[in-house]
C-alpha atoms as a PDB file:
ATOM      1  CA  MET A   1       0.057  -0.054   0.061  1.00  0.00           C
ATOM      2  CA  PRO A   2       1.902   3.559  -0.517  1.00  0.00           C
ATOM      3  CA  VAL A   3       2.144   5.934   2.207  1.00  0.00           C
ATOM      4  CA  ARG A   4       0.367   9.473   1.907  1.00  0.00           C
ATOM      5  CA  ARG A   5       2.293  12.680   2.291  1.00  0.00           C
ATOM      6  CA  PRO A   6       0.785  13.924   5.634  1.00  0.00           C
ATOM      7  CA  PRO A   7      -1.951  16.468   4.760  1.00  0.00           C
ATOM      8  CA  HIS A   8      -0.925  19.927   5.518  1.00  0.00           C
ATOM      9  CA  ILE A   9      -3.307  23.794   5.331  1.00  0.00           C
ATOM     10  CA  GLY A  10      -4.533  25.190   1.959  1.00  0.00           C
ATOM     11  CA  GLN A  11      -4.227  21.386   0.628  1.00  0.00           C
ATOM     12  CA  HIS A  12      -6.980  21.171  -1.833  1.00  0.00           C
ATOM     13  CA  VAL A  13      -8.706  18.148  -1.199  1.00  0.00           C
ATOM     14  CA  GLU A  14     -12.047  17.460  -3.278  1.00  0.00           C
ATOM     15  CA  VAL A  15     -15.438  16.246  -0.713  1.00  0.00           C
ATOM     16  CA  VAL A  16     -17.390  13.499  -1.970  1.00  0.00           C
ATOM     17  CA  PHE A  17     -21.120  12.900  -1.335  1.00  0.00           C
ATOM     18  CA  LEU A  18     -22.961  10.373  -2.570  1.00  0.00           C
ATOM     19  CA  GLY A  19     -24.074  11.692  -5.984  1.00  0.00           C
ATOM     20  CA  ALA A  20     -21.650  14.880  -5.704  1.00  0.00           C
ATOM     21  CA  THR A  21     -18.707  16.023  -5.324  1.00  0.00           C
ATOM     22  CA  VAL A  22     -17.266  19.377  -4.345  1.00  0.00           C
ATOM     23  CA  PRO A  23     -14.012  20.985  -3.998  1.00  0.00           C
ATOM     24  CA  GLY A  24     -12.286  22.283  -0.783  1.00  0.00           C
ATOM     25  CA  VAL A  25      -9.261  23.588   1.094  1.00  0.00           C
ATOM     26  CA  ILE A  26      -7.718  22.213   4.522  1.00  0.00           C
ATOM     27  CA  ASP A  27      -8.285  24.739   7.267  1.00  0.00           C
ATOM     28  CA  GLY A  28      -7.245  23.067  10.280  1.00  0.00           C
ATOM     29  CA  ILE A  29      -5.283  20.156  11.357  1.00  0.00           C
ATOM     30  CA  ASP A  30      -5.668  18.707  14.913  1.00  0.00           C
ATOM     31  CA  GLU A  31      -1.981  18.094  16.271  1.00  0.00           C
ATOM     32  CA  GLN A  32      -2.150  14.213  15.819  1.00  0.00           C
ATOM     33  CA  GLU A  33      -3.600  14.632  12.700  1.00  0.00           C
ATOM     34  CA  ARG A  34      -6.249  12.180  12.903  1.00  0.00           C
ATOM     35  CA  ARG A  35      -9.011  15.550  12.135  1.00  0.00           C
ATOM     36  CA  LEU A  36      -9.503  18.030   9.334  1.00  0.00           C
ATOM     37  CA  LEU A  37     -10.850  21.250   9.177  1.00  0.00           C
ATOM     38  CA  VAL A  38     -12.095  21.520   5.666  1.00  0.00           C
ATOM     39  CA  LEU A  39     -13.662  23.950   3.857  1.00  0.00           C
ATOM     40  CA  THR A  40     -15.341  23.838   0.477  1.00  0.00           C
ATOM     41  CA  GLU A  41     -15.815  25.707  -2.302  1.00  0.00           C
ATOM     42  CA  GLU A  42     -19.726  26.797  -0.658  1.00  0.00           C
ATOM     43  CA  GLY A  43     -18.358  28.509   2.173  1.00  0.00           C
ATOM     44  CA  GLU A  44     -19.609  24.988   4.575  1.00  0.00           C
ATOM     45  CA  GLU A  45     -16.831  23.681   7.444  1.00  0.00           C
ATOM     46  CA  ILE A  46     -16.493  19.863   7.750  1.00  0.00           C
ATOM     47  CA  THR A  47     -14.909  18.103  10.389  1.00  0.00           C
ATOM     48  CA  PHE A  48     -13.502  15.227   8.523  1.00  0.00           C
ATOM     49  CA  ALA A  49     -12.156  12.234  11.343  1.00  0.00           C
ATOM     50  CA  LEU A  50      -9.291   9.433  10.023  1.00  0.00           C
ATOM     51  CA  SER A  51     -10.969   6.083  10.322  1.00  0.00           C
ATOM     52  CA  ARG A  52      -9.000   3.147  11.084  1.00  0.00           C
ATOM     53  CA  ALA A  53     -10.852   0.591   9.646  1.00  0.00           C
ATOM     54  CA  THR A  54     -10.150   2.369   6.079  1.00  0.00           C
ATOM     55  CA  GLY A  55      -7.517   4.527   6.402  1.00  0.00           C
ATOM     56  CA  GLN A  56      -9.972   7.066   5.112  1.00  0.00           C
ATOM     57  CA  PHE A  57     -10.749  10.666   6.454  1.00  0.00           C
ATOM     58  CA  VAL A  58     -14.974  10.837   6.789  1.00  0.00           C
ATOM     59  CA  ALA A  59     -17.078  12.897   7.663  1.00  0.00           C
ATOM     60  CA  GLU A  60     -18.000  13.068  11.662  1.00  0.00           C
ATOM     61  CA  GLY A  61     -21.717  12.504  11.710  1.00  0.00           C
ATOM     62  CA  SER A  62     -22.506  12.587   8.447  1.00  0.00           C
ATOM     63  CA  PRO A  63     -25.205   9.775   7.658  1.00  0.00           C
ATOM     64  CA  THR A  64     -24.008  10.293   3.937  1.00  0.00           C
ATOM     65  CA  GLY A  65     -21.083   9.244   4.509  1.00  0.00           C
ATOM     66  CA  ALA A  66     -18.586  12.022   3.007  1.00  0.00           C
ATOM     67  CA  ARG A  67     -14.719  11.585   2.543  1.00  0.00           C
ATOM     68  CA  LEU A  68     -11.884  13.157   1.384  1.00  0.00           C
ATOM     69  CA  VAL A  69     -10.126  12.869  -2.105  1.00  0.00           C
ATOM     70  CA  PHE A  70      -6.309  14.635  -2.023  1.00  0.00           C
ATOM     71  CA  HIS A  71      -4.725  15.961  -5.431  1.00  0.00           C
ATOM     72  CA  ASP A  72      -1.826  17.782  -3.986  1.00  0.00           C
ATOM     73  CA  PRO A  73       1.246  15.297  -6.044  1.00  0.00           C
ATOM     74  CA  TRP A  74       4.145  14.754  -4.116  1.00  0.00           C
END
């Protein structure tokens, strides 16, 4: 499995919902890099937590299971 570069503030991401994808930017990171605050292009702030089961960042408390896709190159 490839190693992912740690997220950083200002990094461009996509928030993937069930039927839509919205561009966003990482606006905050907790000390352990397990929670990210993302500001979407639409002005919405969403908190994502790292899932131990999947290794993906998923929206906290989201019934739709929104997740992040990272696009910054190494």
